[in-house]
Amino acid sequence: MTYHINVKRDSLKEFIQIIKTLRSLGVIESIDSTSDLIKEGEPLDEETLLNILDHSEKEINDGKSFTMDDVKNQIKNWKKR
């Protein structure tokens, strides 16, 4: 399942620490940054954007999505560990 998360620049260090912990627990399989796709300020071509949207829509239709409450509960559970 793929997630797209917008991280505040001033919280990036903390986010990366959380991601590293989740990878070591086997929760996260891989992580890629949008900076791996394009550089800031570079236009995203229409085909790439449509592919991203199509993939995301398929995941949602397949039930591979979480509500905001689901995500908040998962984070609370991870913090308890």
C-alpha atoms as a PDB file:
ATOM      1  CA  MET A   1       0.000   0.000   0.000  1.00  0.00           C
ATOM      2  CA  THR A   2       1.285   3.429  -0.871  1.00  0.00           C
ATOM      3  CA  TYR A   3       0.872   6.622   1.156  1.00  0.00           C
ATOM      4  CA  HIS A   4       1.600  10.179   0.161  1.00  0.00           C
ATOM      5  CA  ILE A   5       2.557  12.256   3.190  1.00  0.00           C
ATOM      6  CA  ASN A   6       3.304  15.967   3.189  1.00  0.00           C
ATOM      7  CA  VAL A   7       5.917  16.622   5.883  1.00  0.00           C
ATOM      8  CA  LYS A   8       6.651  20.078   7.279  1.00  0.00           C
ATOM      9  CA  ARG A   9      10.213  21.053   6.423  1.00  0.00           C
ATOM     10  CA  ASP A  10      10.942  21.980  10.034  1.00  0.00           C
ATOM     11  CA  SER A  11       9.817  18.495  11.176  1.00  0.00           C
ATOM     12  CA  LEU A  12      11.703  16.490   8.564  1.00  0.00           C
ATOM     13  CA  LYS A  13      14.370  15.217  10.980  1.00  0.00           C
ATOM     14  CA  GLU A  14      11.755  13.831  13.373  1.00  0.00           C
ATOM     15  CA  PHE A  15       9.783  12.296  10.513  1.00  0.00           C
ATOM     16  CA  ILE A  16      12.865  10.509   9.168  1.00  0.00           C
ATOM     17  CA  GLN A  17      13.591   9.115  12.648  1.00  0.00           C
ATOM     18  CA  ILE A  18      10.045   7.724  12.846  1.00  0.00           C
ATOM     19  CA  ILE A  19      10.359   6.218   9.357  1.00  0.00           C
ATOM     20  CA  LYS A  20      13.676   4.564  10.245  1.00  0.00           C
ATOM     21  CA  THR A  21      12.078   3.040  13.340  1.00  0.00           C
ATOM     22  CA  LEU A  22       9.103   1.754  11.351  1.00  0.00           C
ATOM     23  CA  ARG A  23      11.442   0.251   8.732  1.00  0.00           C
ATOM     24  CA  SER A  24      13.420  -1.544  11.422  1.00  0.00           C
ATOM     25  CA  LEU A  25      10.150  -2.969  12.802  1.00  0.00           C
ATOM     26  CA  GLY A  26       9.224  -4.195   9.331  1.00  0.00           C
ATOM     27  CA  VAL A  27       6.168  -1.933   9.101  1.00  0.00           C
ATOM     28  CA  ILE A  28       7.532   0.044   6.141  1.00  0.00           C
ATOM     29  CA  GLU A  29       8.866  -1.795   3.118  1.00  0.00           C
ATOM     30  CA  SER A  30      10.331   1.164   1.259  1.00  0.00           C
ATOM     31  CA  ILE A  31      10.210   4.946   1.128  1.00  0.00           C
ATOM     32  CA  ASP A  32      10.728   7.381  -1.716  1.00  0.00           C
ATOM     33  CA  SER A  33      10.603  11.135  -1.683  1.00  0.00           C
ATOM     34  CA  THR A  34       8.924  13.263  -4.314  1.00  0.00           C
ATOM     35  CA  SER A  35      12.347  14.822  -4.678  1.00  0.00           C
ATOM     36  CA  ASP A  36      13.289  11.457  -6.203  1.00  0.00           C
ATOM     37  CA  LEU A  37      10.644  12.048  -8.880  1.00  0.00           C
ATOM     38  CA  ILE A  38      11.118  15.711  -9.706  1.00  0.00           C
ATOM     39  CA  LYS A  39      12.947  18.745  -8.400  1.00  0.00           C
ATOM     40  CA  GLU A  40      11.026  21.505  -6.674  1.00  0.00           C
ATOM     41  CA  GLY A  41       9.831  24.017  -9.211  1.00  0.00           C
ATOM     42  CA  GLU A  42      10.072  21.505 -12.059  1.00  0.00           C
ATOM     43  CA  PRO A  43       6.809  20.830 -13.816  1.00  0.00           C
ATOM     44  CA  LEU A  44       5.356  17.346 -13.506  1.00  0.00           C
ATOM     45  CA  ASP A  45       4.359  16.045 -16.911  1.00  0.00           C
ATOM     46  CA  GLU A  46       0.716  15.191 -17.449  1.00  0.00           C
ATOM     47  CA  GLU A  47       1.325  11.467 -18.010  1.00  0.00           C
ATOM     48  CA  THR A  48       3.219  11.059 -14.721  1.00  0.00           C
ATOM     49  CA  LEU A  49       0.575  12.958 -12.779  1.00  0.00           C
ATOM     50  CA  LEU A  50      -2.236  10.925 -14.347  1.00  0.00           C
ATOM     51  CA  ASN A  51      -0.399   7.675 -13.520  1.00  0.00           C
ATOM     52  CA  ILE A  52      -0.006   8.743  -9.885  1.00  0.00           C
ATOM     53  CA  LEU A  53      -3.683   9.692  -9.677  1.00  0.00           C
ATOM     54  CA  ASP A  54      -4.793   6.464 -11.392  1.00  0.00           C
ATOM     55  CA  HIS A  55      -2.700   4.319  -9.047  1.00  0.00           C
ATOM     56  CA  SER A  56      -4.005   6.173  -6.002  1.00  0.00           C
ATOM     57  CA  GLU A  57      -7.606   5.835  -7.154  1.00  0.00           C
ATOM     58  CA  LYS A  58      -7.171   2.079  -7.699  1.00  0.00           C
ATOM     59  CA  GLU A  59      -5.783   1.676  -4.178  1.00  0.00           C
ATOM     60  CA  ILE A  60      -8.732   3.571  -2.718  1.00  0.00           C
ATOM     61  CA  ASN A  61     -11.208   1.489  -4.737  1.00  0.00           C
ATOM     62  CA  ASP A  62      -9.463  -1.685  -3.519  1.00  0.00           C
ATOM     63  CA  GLY A  63     -10.017  -0.564   0.070  1.00  0.00           C
ATOM     64  CA  LYS A  64      -6.341   0.194   0.612  1.00  0.00           C
ATOM     65  CA  SER A  65      -6.947   3.449   2.412  1.00  0.00           C
ATOM     66  CA  PHE A  66      -7.330   4.635   5.987  1.00  0.00           C
ATOM     67  CA  THR A  67      -9.407   7.357   7.551  1.00  0.00           C
ATOM     68  CA  MET A  68      -7.639  10.095   9.462  1.00  0.00           C
ATOM     69  CA  ASP A  69      -8.914   8.508  12.697  1.00  0.00           C
ATOM     70  CA  ASP A  70      -7.380   5.157  11.674  1.00  0.00           C
ATOM     71  CA  VAL A  71      -4.015   6.822  11.098  1.00  0.00           C
ATOM     72  CA  LYS A  72      -4.176   8.691  14.414  1.00  0.00           C
ATOM     73  CA  ASN A  73      -4.957   5.435  16.254  1.00  0.00           C
ATOM     74  CA  GLN A  74      -2.066   3.647  14.572  1.00  0.00           C
ATOM     75  CA  ILE A  75       0.314   6.428  15.575  1.00  0.00           C
ATOM     76  CA  LYS A  76      -0.931   6.270  19.175  1.00  0.00           C
ATOM     77  CA  ASN A  77      -0.357   2.502  19.207  1.00  0.00           C
ATOM     78  CA  TRP A  78       3.174   2.868  17.796  1.00  0.00           C
ATOM     79  CA  LYS A  79       4.017   5.461  20.454  1.00  0.00           C
ATOM     80  CA  LYS A  80       2.931   3.022  23.180  1.00  0.00           C
ATOM     81  CA  ARG A  81       5.517   0.423  22.073  1.00  0.00           C
END
